[in-house]
Amino acid sequence: MTDVPLKLVVFDCDGTLIDSQHNIVYCMREAFTCKGQEVPDDASVRSIIGLNLDQAIHSLMTDKDDDALLLSLVDAYKNAFMSRRLQPDHHEPLYDGTLDILIALEKAGTPMAVATGKSMRGLKAIIEQHNLERFFVSLQTPDTNPGKPHPQMLEKAMTAVGADVKNTYMIGDTSYDISMAKNAGCHAVGVNWGYHDEETLWQSGADHLIHHYKDLYSLIHP
């Protein structure tokens, strides 16, 4: 009998597992307003979701050489997000089919991980909110890694379970996820319900594009 190779599925968080754009846009507006800066438009904010926070804010700044302003905007965003999380209307729902695919992969014995631009604190809050603790064997964030598209988060996830690049699948909604997967040598799977459009995902080098999570299982386990 031929041994079945171990497969690893790594998910991005914002725009892939959860729809968080409303809160991210709101908090970015609050941060820039608080510091008296020109507020970026919603489309610009959505375009940087997936990067680690300092990269994201830096790309939205008018004066990109003002390091002190960058630090103050990062702090202002964190404060706005912590305040937002306490509001009764705070909600970051799972995308349709997310829980179903996690359960299906778990039943198949497929290890799963997360590689995200969120902080570890933010990621754990989301996982706890949706009771997803049991599904993920590795959580990788910029707290202890370079941000996307550097491949280290994927490399650490693979090391944690002993998976190789040929059997590792990165699932994400942005060009940053796709580029990270390509840099690591993994399969790059784009989802079309997130924050970058299909053309951007294909141009970034996506190997596959799915339109619903029900399409993912047969891709991982044909």
N, C-alpha and C. Protein backbone atom coordinates (compact mmCIF):
# COMPACT_ATOMS: atom_id res chain seq x y z
N MET A 1 0.85 -1.19 0.00
CA MET A 1 0.00 0.00 0.00
C MET A 1 0.89 1.24 0.00
N THR A 2 0.57 2.19 -0.88
CA THR A 2 1.33 3.42 -0.97
C THR A 2 0.90 4.39 0.14
N ASP A 3 1.89 4.96 0.83
CA ASP A 3 1.58 5.92 1.88
C ASP A 3 0.95 7.17 1.27
N VAL A 4 -0.10 7.67 1.90
CA VAL A 4 -0.74 8.91 1.46
C VAL A 4 0.06 10.08 2.02
N PRO A 5 0.51 11.01 1.19
CA PRO A 5 1.33 12.11 1.69
C PRO A 5 0.53 13.03 2.60
N LEU A 6 1.22 13.56 3.61
CA LEU A 6 0.59 14.52 4.51
C LEU A 6 0.36 15.83 3.78
N LYS A 7 -0.86 16.30 3.84
CA LYS A 7 -1.20 17.58 3.21
C LYS A 7 -1.51 18.61 4.29
N LEU A 8 -1.06 19.82 4.05
CA LEU A 8 -1.29 20.93 4.98
C LEU A 8 -2.06 22.02 4.26
N VAL A 9 -3.10 22.53 4.91
CA VAL A 9 -3.88 23.63 4.35
C VAL A 9 -3.73 24.83 5.27
N VAL A 10 -3.22 25.93 4.72
CA VAL A 10 -2.97 27.14 5.49
C VAL A 10 -3.92 28.24 5.00
N PHE A 11 -4.66 28.82 5.92
CA PHE A 11 -5.63 29.86 5.58
C PHE A 11 -5.13 31.24 6.00
N ASP A 12 -5.38 32.21 5.15
CA ASP A 12 -5.36 33.60 5.58
C ASP A 12 -6.58 33.81 6.46
N CYS A 13 -6.63 34.94 7.18
CA CYS A 13 -7.77 35.21 8.05
C CYS A 13 -8.72 36.24 7.45
N ASP A 14 -8.35 37.53 7.48
CA ASP A 14 -9.23 38.59 6.99
C ASP A 14 -9.47 38.45 5.49
N GLY A 15 -10.73 38.39 5.09
CA GLY A 15 -11.05 38.28 3.68
C GLY A 15 -11.06 36.86 3.17
N THR A 16 -10.67 35.91 4.01
CA THR A 16 -10.63 34.50 3.61
C THR A 16 -11.49 33.65 4.54
N LEU A 17 -11.23 33.73 5.84
CA LEU A 17 -12.06 33.04 6.83
C LEU A 17 -13.18 33.95 7.34
N ILE A 18 -12.84 35.21 7.58
CA ILE A 18 -13.83 36.14 8.15
C ILE A 18 -13.94 37.41 7.31
N ASP A 19 -15.11 38.02 7.36
CA ASP A 19 -15.33 39.29 6.68
C ASP A 19 -15.17 40.41 7.70
N SER A 20 -14.02 41.03 7.68
CA SER A 20 -13.66 42.03 8.68
C SER A 20 -13.50 43.43 8.11
N GLN A 21 -13.82 43.60 6.84
CA GLN A 21 -13.49 44.86 6.18
C GLN A 21 -14.19 46.07 6.82
N HIS A 22 -15.42 45.90 7.26
CA HIS A 22 -16.14 47.03 7.84
C HIS A 22 -15.39 47.59 9.05
N ASN A 23 -14.94 46.70 9.92
CA ASN A 23 -14.22 47.14 11.12
C ASN A 23 -12.85 47.72 10.80
N ILE A 24 -12.16 47.11 9.85
CA ILE A 24 -10.83 47.60 9.48
C ILE A 24 -10.93 48.99 8.86
N VAL A 25 -11.88 49.18 7.95
CA VAL A 25 -12.06 50.49 7.32
C VAL A 25 -12.43 51.53 8.37
N TYR A 26 -13.34 51.18 9.26
CA TYR A 26 -13.77 52.11 10.31
C TYR A 26 -12.59 52.54 11.18
N CYS A 27 -11.80 51.56 11.62
CA CYS A 27 -10.69 51.87 12.53
C CYS A 27 -9.57 52.63 11.83
N MET A 28 -9.36 52.37 10.54
CA MET A 28 -8.35 53.13 9.80
C MET A 28 -8.79 54.58 9.65
N ARG A 29 -10.07 54.79 9.38
CA ARG A 29 -10.58 56.16 9.33
C ARG A 29 -10.36 56.88 10.66
N GLU A 30 -10.68 56.17 11.75
CA GLU A 30 -10.53 56.75 13.08
C GLU A 30 -9.09 57.13 13.36
N ALA A 31 -8.17 56.26 13.01
CA ALA A 31 -6.75 56.52 13.28
C ALA A 31 -6.25 57.74 12.52
N PHE A 32 -6.55 57.82 11.22
CA PHE A 32 -6.06 58.95 10.42
C PHE A 32 -6.74 60.25 10.84
N THR A 33 -8.02 60.18 11.18
CA THR A 33 -8.72 61.37 11.65
C THR A 33 -8.14 61.86 12.97
N CYS A 34 -7.88 60.92 13.87
CA CYS A 34 -7.33 61.25 15.19
C CYS A 34 -6.00 61.99 15.08
N LYS A 35 -5.22 61.64 14.08
CA LYS A 35 -3.89 62.24 13.91
C LYS A 35 -3.89 63.39 12.91
N GLY A 36 -5.08 63.82 12.49
CA GLY A 36 -5.18 64.98 11.60
C GLY A 36 -4.66 64.73 10.21
N GLN A 37 -4.71 63.49 9.77
CA GLN A 37 -4.20 63.13 8.45
C GLN A 37 -5.34 62.94 7.45
N GLU A 38 -5.00 63.07 6.18
CA GLU A 38 -5.98 62.83 5.13
C GLU A 38 -6.46 61.37 5.21
N VAL A 39 -7.75 61.20 5.29
CA VAL A 39 -8.30 59.86 5.48
C VAL A 39 -8.31 59.10 4.16
N PRO A 40 -7.71 57.92 4.10
CA PRO A 40 -7.72 57.14 2.85
C PRO A 40 -9.12 56.67 2.51
N ASP A 41 -9.38 56.53 1.21
CA ASP A 41 -10.71 56.05 0.80
C ASP A 41 -10.85 54.56 1.10
N ASP A 42 -12.09 54.10 1.10
CA ASP A 42 -12.37 52.72 1.50
C ASP A 42 -11.66 51.71 0.61
N ALA A 43 -11.63 51.98 -0.70
CA ALA A 43 -11.00 51.03 -1.63
C ALA A 43 -9.51 50.89 -1.34
N SER A 44 -8.88 51.99 -0.99
CA SER A 44 -7.44 51.93 -0.67
C SER A 44 -7.20 51.11 0.59
N VAL A 45 -8.08 51.27 1.58
CA VAL A 45 -7.93 50.49 2.81
C VAL A 45 -8.13 49.01 2.52
N ARG A 46 -9.17 48.68 1.76
CA ARG A 46 -9.41 47.26 1.44
C ARG A 46 -8.22 46.65 0.70
N SER A 47 -7.54 47.47 -0.10
CA SER A 47 -6.44 46.93 -0.92
C SER A 47 -5.24 46.51 -0.08
N ILE A 48 -5.11 47.05 1.14
CA ILE A 48 -3.93 46.72 1.97
C ILE A 48 -4.25 45.70 3.07
N ILE A 49 -5.50 45.26 3.14
CA ILE A 49 -5.85 44.24 4.12
C ILE A 49 -5.08 42.96 3.79
N GLY A 50 -4.40 42.43 4.77
CA GLY A 50 -3.55 41.26 4.56
C GLY A 50 -2.09 41.54 4.89
N LEU A 51 -1.69 42.80 4.74
CA LEU A 51 -0.35 43.19 5.16
C LEU A 51 -0.31 43.34 6.67
N ASN A 52 0.90 43.23 7.26
CA ASN A 52 0.98 43.53 8.68
C ASN A 52 0.75 45.02 8.87
N LEU A 53 0.34 45.41 10.06
CA LEU A 53 -0.25 46.72 10.30
C LEU A 53 0.66 47.87 9.91
N ASP A 54 1.94 47.82 10.28
CA ASP A 54 2.80 48.96 9.96
C ASP A 54 3.01 49.10 8.46
N GLN A 55 3.12 47.98 7.73
CA GLN A 55 3.22 48.05 6.27
C GLN A 55 1.96 48.66 5.67
N ALA A 56 0.81 48.20 6.18
CA ALA A 56 -0.47 48.66 5.65
C ALA A 56 -0.63 50.17 5.83
N ILE A 57 -0.37 50.65 7.04
CA ILE A 57 -0.54 52.08 7.31
C ILE A 57 0.49 52.90 6.54
N HIS A 58 1.71 52.42 6.48
CA HIS A 58 2.75 53.13 5.73
C HIS A 58 2.33 53.34 4.27
N SER A 59 1.74 52.32 3.68
CA SER A 59 1.34 52.43 2.27
C SER A 59 0.20 53.43 2.07
N LEU A 60 -0.55 53.73 3.14
CA LEU A 60 -1.67 54.68 3.05
C LEU A 60 -1.27 56.11 3.39
N MET A 61 -0.08 56.30 3.96
CA MET A 61 0.37 57.63 4.38
C MET A 61 0.77 58.49 3.20
N THR A 62 0.51 59.78 3.31
CA THR A 62 0.95 60.73 2.29
C THR A 62 2.45 60.99 2.42
N ASP A 63 2.89 61.22 3.66
CA ASP A 63 4.32 61.44 3.92
C ASP A 63 4.91 60.13 4.44
N LYS A 64 5.51 59.38 3.54
CA LYS A 64 6.01 58.05 3.89
C LYS A 64 7.35 58.10 4.61
N ASP A 65 7.92 59.28 4.79
CA ASP A 65 9.21 59.40 5.48
C ASP A 65 9.06 59.79 6.94
N ASP A 66 7.82 59.96 7.39
CA ASP A 66 7.58 60.41 8.77
C ASP A 66 7.42 59.19 9.68
N ASP A 67 8.52 58.72 10.23
CA ASP A 67 8.50 57.51 11.06
C ASP A 67 7.70 57.71 12.34
N ALA A 68 7.79 58.90 12.92
CA ALA A 68 7.05 59.16 14.16
C ALA A 68 5.56 59.12 13.91
N LEU A 69 5.14 59.66 12.79
CA LEU A 69 3.72 59.63 12.44
C LEU A 69 3.26 58.20 12.22
N LEU A 70 4.09 57.41 11.59
CA LEU A 70 3.73 56.00 11.37
C LEU A 70 3.47 55.31 12.70
N LEU A 71 4.36 55.48 13.65
CA LEU A 71 4.19 54.84 14.95
C LEU A 71 2.92 55.31 15.65
N SER A 72 2.64 56.61 15.54
CA SER A 72 1.44 57.14 16.20
C SER A 72 0.17 56.66 15.52
N LEU A 73 0.19 56.49 14.21
CA LEU A 73 -0.98 55.96 13.49
C LEU A 73 -1.21 54.50 13.83
N VAL A 74 -0.14 53.75 13.96
CA VAL A 74 -0.27 52.34 14.36
C VAL A 74 -0.93 52.24 15.73
N ASP A 75 -0.45 53.06 16.67
CA ASP A 75 -1.04 53.06 18.02
C ASP A 75 -2.50 53.49 17.98
N ALA A 76 -2.80 54.51 17.17
CA ALA A 76 -4.17 55.01 17.08
C ALA A 76 -5.10 53.94 16.50
N TYR A 77 -4.60 53.20 15.52
CA TYR A 77 -5.41 52.13 14.94
C TYR A 77 -5.68 51.03 15.97
N LYS A 78 -4.65 50.64 16.70
CA LYS A 78 -4.82 49.59 17.71
C LYS A 78 -5.83 50.03 18.77
N ASN A 79 -5.74 51.28 19.19
CA ASN A 79 -6.68 51.79 20.19
C ASN A 79 -8.10 51.81 19.64
N ALA A 80 -8.24 52.22 18.39
CA ALA A 80 -9.57 52.26 17.77
C ALA A 80 -10.15 50.86 17.66
N PHE A 81 -9.29 49.90 17.34
CA PHE A 81 -9.79 48.53 17.17
C PHE A 81 -10.19 47.92 18.51
N MET A 82 -9.40 48.17 19.53
CA MET A 82 -9.76 47.65 20.86
C MET A 82 -11.07 48.25 21.33
N SER A 83 -11.26 49.54 21.07
CA SER A 83 -12.51 50.19 21.43
C SER A 83 -13.68 49.64 20.61
N ARG A 84 -13.43 49.43 19.33
CA ARG A 84 -14.47 48.91 18.44
C ARG A 84 -14.91 47.52 18.87
N ARG A 85 -13.96 46.71 19.30
CA ARG A 85 -14.27 45.33 19.68
C ARG A 85 -15.23 45.27 20.87
N LEU A 86 -15.27 46.33 21.67
CA LEU A 86 -16.14 46.37 22.85
C LEU A 86 -17.55 46.84 22.53
N GLN A 87 -17.77 47.32 21.30
CA GLN A 87 -19.09 47.84 20.94
C GLN A 87 -20.07 46.70 20.67
N PRO A 88 -21.35 46.89 21.00
CA PRO A 88 -22.34 45.81 20.82
C PRO A 88 -22.58 45.42 19.37
N ASP A 89 -22.27 46.32 18.43
CA ASP A 89 -22.50 45.99 17.02
C ASP A 89 -21.24 45.44 16.35
N HIS A 90 -20.18 45.19 17.14
CA HIS A 90 -18.96 44.63 16.57
C HIS A 90 -19.22 43.20 16.10
N HIS A 91 -18.93 42.94 14.83
CA HIS A 91 -19.20 41.61 14.28
C HIS A 91 -18.24 41.35 13.13
N GLU A 92 -17.61 40.20 13.15
CA GLU A 92 -16.74 39.77 12.06
C GLU A 92 -17.14 38.35 11.69
N PRO A 93 -18.13 38.19 10.81
CA PRO A 93 -18.70 36.88 10.54
C PRO A 93 -17.77 35.99 9.71
N LEU A 94 -17.93 34.68 9.90
CA LEU A 94 -17.28 33.72 9.03
C LEU A 94 -17.94 33.79 7.66
N TYR A 95 -17.16 33.59 6.63
CA TYR A 95 -17.74 33.50 5.29
C TYR A 95 -18.54 32.20 5.15
N ASP A 96 -19.49 32.24 4.24
CA ASP A 96 -20.33 31.07 3.98
C ASP A 96 -19.47 29.86 3.65
N GLY A 97 -19.69 28.77 4.34
CA GLY A 97 -18.98 27.52 4.06
C GLY A 97 -17.69 27.34 4.83
N THR A 98 -17.27 28.37 5.58
CA THR A 98 -15.99 28.27 6.30
C THR A 98 -16.01 27.11 7.30
N LEU A 99 -17.00 27.09 8.16
CA LEU A 99 -17.04 26.05 9.19
C LEU A 99 -17.18 24.67 8.56
N ASP A 100 -17.94 24.56 7.48
CA ASP A 100 -18.13 23.27 6.81
C ASP A 100 -16.80 22.71 6.29
N ILE A 101 -15.97 23.58 5.66
CA ILE A 101 -14.72 23.07 5.11
C ILE A 101 -13.74 22.73 6.21
N LEU A 102 -13.75 23.49 7.31
CA LEU A 102 -12.86 23.17 8.43
C LEU A 102 -13.22 21.81 9.02
N ILE A 103 -14.50 21.55 9.17
CA ILE A 103 -14.94 20.26 9.71
C ILE A 103 -14.60 19.13 8.76
N ALA A 104 -14.81 19.34 7.46
CA ALA A 104 -14.52 18.30 6.47
C ALA A 104 -13.03 17.96 6.43
N LEU A 105 -12.18 18.97 6.46
CA LEU A 105 -10.74 18.72 6.45
C LEU A 105 -10.28 18.06 7.75
N GLU A 106 -10.89 18.47 8.85
CA GLU A 106 -10.57 17.84 10.13
C GLU A 106 -10.92 16.35 10.10
N LYS A 107 -12.09 16.01 9.56
CA LYS A 107 -12.51 14.61 9.48
C LYS A 107 -11.58 13.80 8.58
N ALA A 108 -11.00 14.46 7.58
CA ALA A 108 -10.07 13.79 6.67
C ALA A 108 -8.68 13.67 7.26
N GLY A 109 -8.48 14.22 8.46
CA GLY A 109 -7.17 14.16 9.10
C GLY A 109 -6.16 15.12 8.50
N THR A 110 -6.66 16.19 7.87
CA THR A 110 -5.78 17.17 7.22
C THR A 110 -5.41 18.27 8.19
N PRO A 111 -4.15 18.43 8.55
CA PRO A 111 -3.77 19.52 9.45
C PRO A 111 -3.98 20.87 8.79
N MET A 112 -4.36 21.85 9.60
CA MET A 112 -4.63 23.20 9.11
C MET A 112 -3.89 24.22 9.95
N ALA A 113 -3.59 25.35 9.33
CA ALA A 113 -2.89 26.43 10.01
C ALA A 113 -3.44 27.76 9.52
N VAL A 114 -3.02 28.84 10.18
CA VAL A 114 -3.37 30.19 9.75
C VAL A 114 -2.08 30.99 9.58
N ALA A 115 -2.01 31.74 8.49
CA ALA A 115 -0.90 32.68 8.27
C ALA A 115 -1.54 34.02 7.91
N THR A 116 -1.42 35.00 8.77
CA THR A 116 -2.18 36.24 8.63
C THR A 116 -1.36 37.47 8.95
N GLY A 117 -1.82 38.60 8.45
CA GLY A 117 -1.21 39.87 8.79
C GLY A 117 -1.71 40.43 10.11
N LYS A 118 -2.72 39.79 10.71
CA LYS A 118 -3.23 40.22 12.01
C LYS A 118 -2.20 39.96 13.10
N SER A 119 -2.34 40.66 14.20
CA SER A 119 -1.52 40.34 15.36
C SER A 119 -1.99 39.01 15.96
N MET A 120 -1.15 38.39 16.76
CA MET A 120 -1.55 37.15 17.41
C MET A 120 -2.74 37.40 18.34
N ARG A 121 -2.73 38.53 19.00
CA ARG A 121 -3.85 38.87 19.89
C ARG A 121 -5.16 38.95 19.10
N GLY A 122 -5.12 39.64 17.96
CA GLY A 122 -6.32 39.77 17.14
C GLY A 122 -6.78 38.45 16.57
N LEU A 123 -5.82 37.63 16.13
CA LEU A 123 -6.16 36.33 15.58
C LEU A 123 -6.80 35.43 16.63
N LYS A 124 -6.21 35.39 17.82
CA LYS A 124 -6.77 34.54 18.87
C LYS A 124 -8.15 35.01 19.29
N ALA A 125 -8.40 36.31 19.24
CA ALA A 125 -9.73 36.83 19.57
C ALA A 125 -10.76 36.33 18.57
N ILE A 126 -10.40 36.31 17.29
CA ILE A 126 -11.30 35.81 16.25
C ILE A 126 -11.55 34.32 16.43
N ILE A 127 -10.49 33.57 16.67
CA ILE A 127 -10.61 32.12 16.83
C ILE A 127 -11.49 31.79 18.03
N GLU A 128 -11.30 32.54 19.10
CA GLU A 128 -12.12 32.31 20.29
C GLU A 128 -13.58 32.70 20.04
N GLN A 129 -13.79 33.81 19.35
CA GLN A 129 -15.14 34.28 19.07
C GLN A 129 -15.96 33.23 18.31
N HIS A 130 -15.31 32.54 17.38
CA HIS A 130 -16.01 31.57 16.53
C HIS A 130 -15.76 30.12 16.94
N ASN A 131 -15.11 29.92 18.09
CA ASN A 131 -14.87 28.56 18.61
C ASN A 131 -14.12 27.68 17.61
N LEU A 132 -13.02 28.20 17.08
CA LEU A 132 -12.26 27.49 16.06
C LEU A 132 -10.96 26.90 16.60
N GLU A 133 -10.77 26.92 17.90
CA GLU A 133 -9.48 26.54 18.50
C GLU A 133 -9.00 25.16 18.05
N ARG A 134 -9.92 24.23 17.92
CA ARG A 134 -9.51 22.84 17.68
C ARG A 134 -8.99 22.58 16.27
N PHE A 135 -9.22 23.51 15.36
CA PHE A 135 -8.93 23.22 13.95
C PHE A 135 -7.48 23.47 13.55
N PHE A 136 -6.77 24.35 14.24
CA PHE A 136 -5.48 24.82 13.73
C PHE A 136 -4.31 24.36 14.58
N VAL A 137 -3.35 23.75 13.91
CA VAL A 137 -2.16 23.24 14.60
C VAL A 137 -1.05 24.28 14.66
N SER A 138 -1.17 25.34 13.88
CA SER A 138 -0.13 26.38 13.86
C SER A 138 -0.79 27.72 13.54
N LEU A 139 -0.43 28.73 14.31
CA LEU A 139 -0.90 30.10 14.08
C LEU A 139 0.31 30.98 13.84
N GLN A 140 0.39 31.56 12.66
CA GLN A 140 1.55 32.37 12.29
C GLN A 140 1.12 33.80 12.00
N THR A 141 1.78 34.74 12.68
CA THR A 141 1.46 36.16 12.53
C THR A 141 2.75 36.97 12.44
N PRO A 142 2.64 38.26 12.11
CA PRO A 142 3.84 39.11 12.06
C PRO A 142 4.46 39.39 13.42
N ASP A 143 3.81 38.96 14.51
CA ASP A 143 4.42 39.13 15.83
C ASP A 143 5.80 38.48 15.89
N THR A 144 5.95 37.35 15.21
CA THR A 144 7.20 36.59 15.26
C THR A 144 7.74 36.24 13.88
N ASN A 145 7.24 36.92 12.85
CA ASN A 145 7.65 36.63 11.47
C ASN A 145 7.69 37.92 10.66
N PRO A 146 8.44 37.90 9.55
CA PRO A 146 8.29 38.99 8.58
C PRO A 146 6.87 38.94 8.00
N GLY A 147 6.39 40.09 7.55
CA GLY A 147 5.06 40.13 6.95
C GLY A 147 5.03 39.53 5.56
N LYS A 148 3.83 39.33 5.05
CA LYS A 148 3.66 38.85 3.68
C LYS A 148 4.22 39.89 2.71
N PRO A 149 4.81 39.46 1.59
CA PRO A 149 4.81 38.10 1.03
C PRO A 149 6.02 37.26 1.40
N HIS A 150 6.76 37.62 2.45
CA HIS A 150 7.87 36.78 2.89
C HIS A 150 7.33 35.39 3.24
N PRO A 151 8.04 34.32 2.87
CA PRO A 151 7.51 32.97 3.05
C PRO A 151 7.64 32.37 4.44
N GLN A 152 8.22 33.10 5.40
CA GLN A 152 8.56 32.45 6.67
C GLN A 152 7.34 31.91 7.41
N MET A 153 6.21 32.60 7.36
CA MET A 153 5.03 32.09 8.07
C MET A 153 4.62 30.73 7.53
N LEU A 154 4.66 30.56 6.23
CA LEU A 154 4.34 29.26 5.64
C LEU A 154 5.41 28.22 5.98
N GLU A 155 6.64 28.63 5.94
CA GLU A 155 7.73 27.70 6.26
C GLU A 155 7.61 27.18 7.69
N LYS A 156 7.27 28.06 8.62
CA LYS A 156 7.11 27.62 10.01
C LYS A 156 5.91 26.69 10.16
N ALA A 157 4.83 26.97 9.46
CA ALA A 157 3.66 26.10 9.53
C ALA A 157 3.99 24.72 8.99
N MET A 158 4.74 24.66 7.89
CA MET A 158 5.12 23.37 7.32
C MET A 158 6.03 22.60 8.28
N THR A 159 6.97 23.30 8.88
CA THR A 159 7.87 22.65 9.84
C THR A 159 7.11 22.09 11.03
N ALA A 160 6.09 22.82 11.46
CA ALA A 160 5.32 22.40 12.64
C ALA A 160 4.64 21.06 12.46
N VAL A 161 4.26 20.73 11.23
CA VAL A 161 3.54 19.47 11.00
C VAL A 161 4.34 18.47 10.16
N GLY A 162 5.49 18.90 9.63
CA GLY A 162 6.29 18.01 8.81
C GLY A 162 5.80 17.86 7.39
N ALA A 163 5.13 18.90 6.87
CA ALA A 163 4.63 18.86 5.49
C ALA A 163 5.68 19.43 4.54
N ASP A 164 5.64 18.99 3.29
CA ASP A 164 6.55 19.56 2.30
C ASP A 164 5.79 20.53 1.40
N VAL A 165 6.54 21.28 0.61
CA VAL A 165 5.93 22.35 -0.19
C VAL A 165 4.97 21.81 -1.24
N LYS A 166 5.26 20.62 -1.76
CA LYS A 166 4.41 20.06 -2.82
C LYS A 166 3.02 19.69 -2.32
N ASN A 167 2.90 19.54 -1.02
CA ASN A 167 1.61 19.13 -0.44
C ASN A 167 1.06 20.17 0.53
N THR A 168 1.48 21.42 0.35
CA THR A 168 0.99 22.51 1.18
C THR A 168 0.22 23.50 0.31
N TYR A 169 -0.94 23.89 0.79
CA TYR A 169 -1.85 24.76 0.05
C TYR A 169 -2.10 26.03 0.87
N MET A 170 -1.80 27.17 0.28
CA MET A 170 -2.08 28.46 0.91
C MET A 170 -3.38 29.00 0.33
N ILE A 171 -4.35 29.28 1.20
CA ILE A 171 -5.65 29.75 0.77
C ILE A 171 -5.79 31.22 1.16
N GLY A 172 -5.97 32.12 0.20
CA GLY A 172 -6.04 33.53 0.53
C GLY A 172 -6.78 34.35 -0.50
N ASP A 173 -7.08 35.58 -0.12
CA ASP A 173 -7.90 36.46 -0.96
C ASP A 173 -7.12 37.60 -1.59
N THR A 174 -5.84 37.72 -1.29
CA THR A 174 -5.07 38.86 -1.80
C THR A 174 -3.81 38.42 -2.54
N SER A 175 -3.26 39.37 -3.28
CA SER A 175 -2.01 39.12 -3.98
C SER A 175 -0.89 38.81 -3.01
N TYR A 176 -0.98 39.34 -1.78
CA TYR A 176 0.06 39.09 -0.78
C TYR A 176 0.08 37.61 -0.39
N ASP A 177 -1.10 37.00 -0.28
CA ASP A 177 -1.18 35.58 0.04
C ASP A 177 -0.62 34.73 -1.11
N ILE A 178 -1.00 35.10 -2.32
CA ILE A 178 -0.54 34.35 -3.49
C ILE A 178 0.97 34.45 -3.62
N SER A 179 1.50 35.66 -3.45
CA SER A 179 2.95 35.86 -3.57
C SER A 179 3.70 35.12 -2.48
N MET A 180 3.16 35.10 -1.27
CA MET A 180 3.79 34.35 -0.19
C MET A 180 3.85 32.86 -0.53
N ALA A 181 2.75 32.34 -1.06
CA ALA A 181 2.73 30.93 -1.45
C ALA A 181 3.76 30.63 -2.53
N LYS A 182 3.84 31.50 -3.52
CA LYS A 182 4.80 31.27 -4.60
C LYS A 182 6.23 31.38 -4.08
N ASN A 183 6.47 32.31 -3.16
CA ASN A 183 7.81 32.45 -2.59
C ASN A 183 8.22 31.23 -1.78
N ALA A 184 7.22 30.56 -1.19
CA ALA A 184 7.50 29.36 -0.40
C ALA A 184 7.52 28.09 -1.26
N GLY A 185 7.03 28.19 -2.49
CA GLY A 185 6.97 27.02 -3.37
C GLY A 185 5.73 26.17 -3.17
N CYS A 186 4.71 26.73 -2.50
CA CYS A 186 3.48 26.00 -2.20
C CYS A 186 2.42 26.23 -3.29
N HIS A 187 1.34 25.46 -3.20
CA HIS A 187 0.19 25.71 -4.06
C HIS A 187 -0.49 27.01 -3.60
N ALA A 188 -0.80 27.88 -4.56
CA ALA A 188 -1.44 29.16 -4.26
C ALA A 188 -2.90 29.10 -4.70
N VAL A 189 -3.80 29.14 -3.74
CA VAL A 189 -5.23 29.03 -4.02
C VAL A 189 -5.91 30.35 -3.64
N GLY A 190 -6.46 31.04 -4.63
CA GLY A 190 -7.16 32.28 -4.37
C GLY A 190 -8.64 32.05 -4.15
N VAL A 191 -9.25 32.91 -3.34
CA VAL A 191 -10.70 32.90 -3.15
C VAL A 191 -11.25 34.20 -3.70
N ASN A 192 -12.43 34.14 -4.33
CA ASN A 192 -12.92 35.33 -5.03
C ASN A 192 -13.89 36.17 -4.20
N TRP A 193 -14.03 35.85 -2.90
CA TRP A 193 -14.98 36.61 -2.08
C TRP A 193 -14.30 37.62 -1.17
N GLY A 194 -12.99 37.80 -1.31
CA GLY A 194 -12.26 38.68 -0.41
C GLY A 194 -12.02 40.06 -0.98
N TYR A 195 -10.81 40.60 -0.76
CA TYR A 195 -10.57 42.02 -0.97
C TYR A 195 -9.75 42.36 -2.20
N HIS A 196 -9.20 41.37 -2.91
CA HIS A 196 -8.58 41.60 -4.21
C HIS A 196 -9.37 40.84 -5.26
N ASP A 197 -9.48 41.44 -6.45
CA ASP A 197 -10.33 40.83 -7.48
C ASP A 197 -9.63 39.64 -8.15
N GLU A 198 -10.40 38.92 -8.94
CA GLU A 198 -9.90 37.69 -9.57
C GLU A 198 -8.70 37.97 -10.48
N GLU A 199 -8.77 39.04 -11.25
CA GLU A 199 -7.67 39.35 -12.17
C GLU A 199 -6.37 39.57 -11.40
N THR A 200 -6.46 40.28 -10.28
CA THR A 200 -5.27 40.51 -9.46
C THR A 200 -4.70 39.21 -8.93
N LEU A 201 -5.57 38.29 -8.51
CA LEU A 201 -5.11 37.01 -7.99
C LEU A 201 -4.42 36.18 -9.08
N TRP A 202 -5.03 36.14 -10.26
CA TRP A 202 -4.40 35.39 -11.36
C TRP A 202 -3.06 36.00 -11.72
N GLN A 203 -3.01 37.33 -11.82
CA GLN A 203 -1.77 38.00 -12.21
C GLN A 203 -0.67 37.82 -11.17
N SER A 204 -1.08 37.59 -9.92
CA SER A 204 -0.10 37.37 -8.85
C SER A 204 0.48 35.96 -8.88
N GLY A 205 -0.13 35.09 -9.69
CA GLY A 205 0.41 33.74 -9.84
C GLY A 205 -0.42 32.64 -9.23
N ALA A 206 -1.71 32.90 -8.96
CA ALA A 206 -2.56 31.87 -8.36
C ALA A 206 -2.58 30.61 -9.23
N ASP A 207 -2.46 29.47 -8.58
CA ASP A 207 -2.56 28.19 -9.29
C ASP A 207 -4.01 27.78 -9.47
N HIS A 208 -4.86 28.19 -8.55
CA HIS A 208 -6.27 27.85 -8.58
C HIS A 208 -7.06 29.04 -8.04
N LEU A 209 -8.32 29.11 -8.43
CA LEU A 209 -9.23 30.12 -7.89
C LEU A 209 -10.55 29.44 -7.58
N ILE A 210 -11.03 29.60 -6.34
CA ILE A 210 -12.29 28.98 -5.97
C ILE A 210 -13.34 30.06 -5.69
N HIS A 211 -14.61 29.68 -5.94
CA HIS A 211 -15.72 30.61 -5.78
C HIS A 211 -16.57 30.28 -4.56
N HIS A 212 -16.30 29.17 -3.93
CA HIS A 212 -17.00 28.76 -2.71
C HIS A 212 -16.14 27.72 -2.02
N TYR A 213 -16.25 27.65 -0.70
CA TYR A 213 -15.44 26.68 0.03
C TYR A 213 -15.77 25.23 -0.33
N LYS A 214 -16.97 24.99 -0.85
CA LYS A 214 -17.31 23.63 -1.24
C LYS A 214 -16.40 23.12 -2.36
N ASP A 215 -15.76 24.06 -3.10
CA ASP A 215 -14.85 23.68 -4.18
C ASP A 215 -13.45 23.32 -3.67
N LEU A 216 -13.17 23.61 -2.41
CA LEU A 216 -11.79 23.44 -1.92
C LEU A 216 -11.47 21.98 -1.60
N TYR A 217 -12.43 21.26 -1.04
CA TYR A 217 -12.14 19.91 -0.58
C TYR A 217 -11.63 19.03 -1.73
N SER A 218 -12.31 19.07 -2.86
CA SER A 218 -11.91 18.22 -3.99
C SER A 218 -10.57 18.65 -4.58
N LEU A 219 -10.20 19.89 -4.34
CA LEU A 219 -8.89 20.35 -4.79
C LEU A 219 -7.78 19.77 -3.92
N ILE A 220 -8.04 19.72 -2.61
CA ILE A 220 -7.06 19.17 -1.67
C ILE A 220 -7.02 17.66 -1.71
N HIS A 221 -8.20 17.06 -1.81
CA HIS A 221 -8.32 15.60 -1.82
C HIS A 221 -9.08 15.13 -3.05
N PRO A 222 -8.42 15.15 -4.22
CA PRO A 222 -9.11 14.79 -5.47
C PRO A 222 -9.49 13.31 -5.50
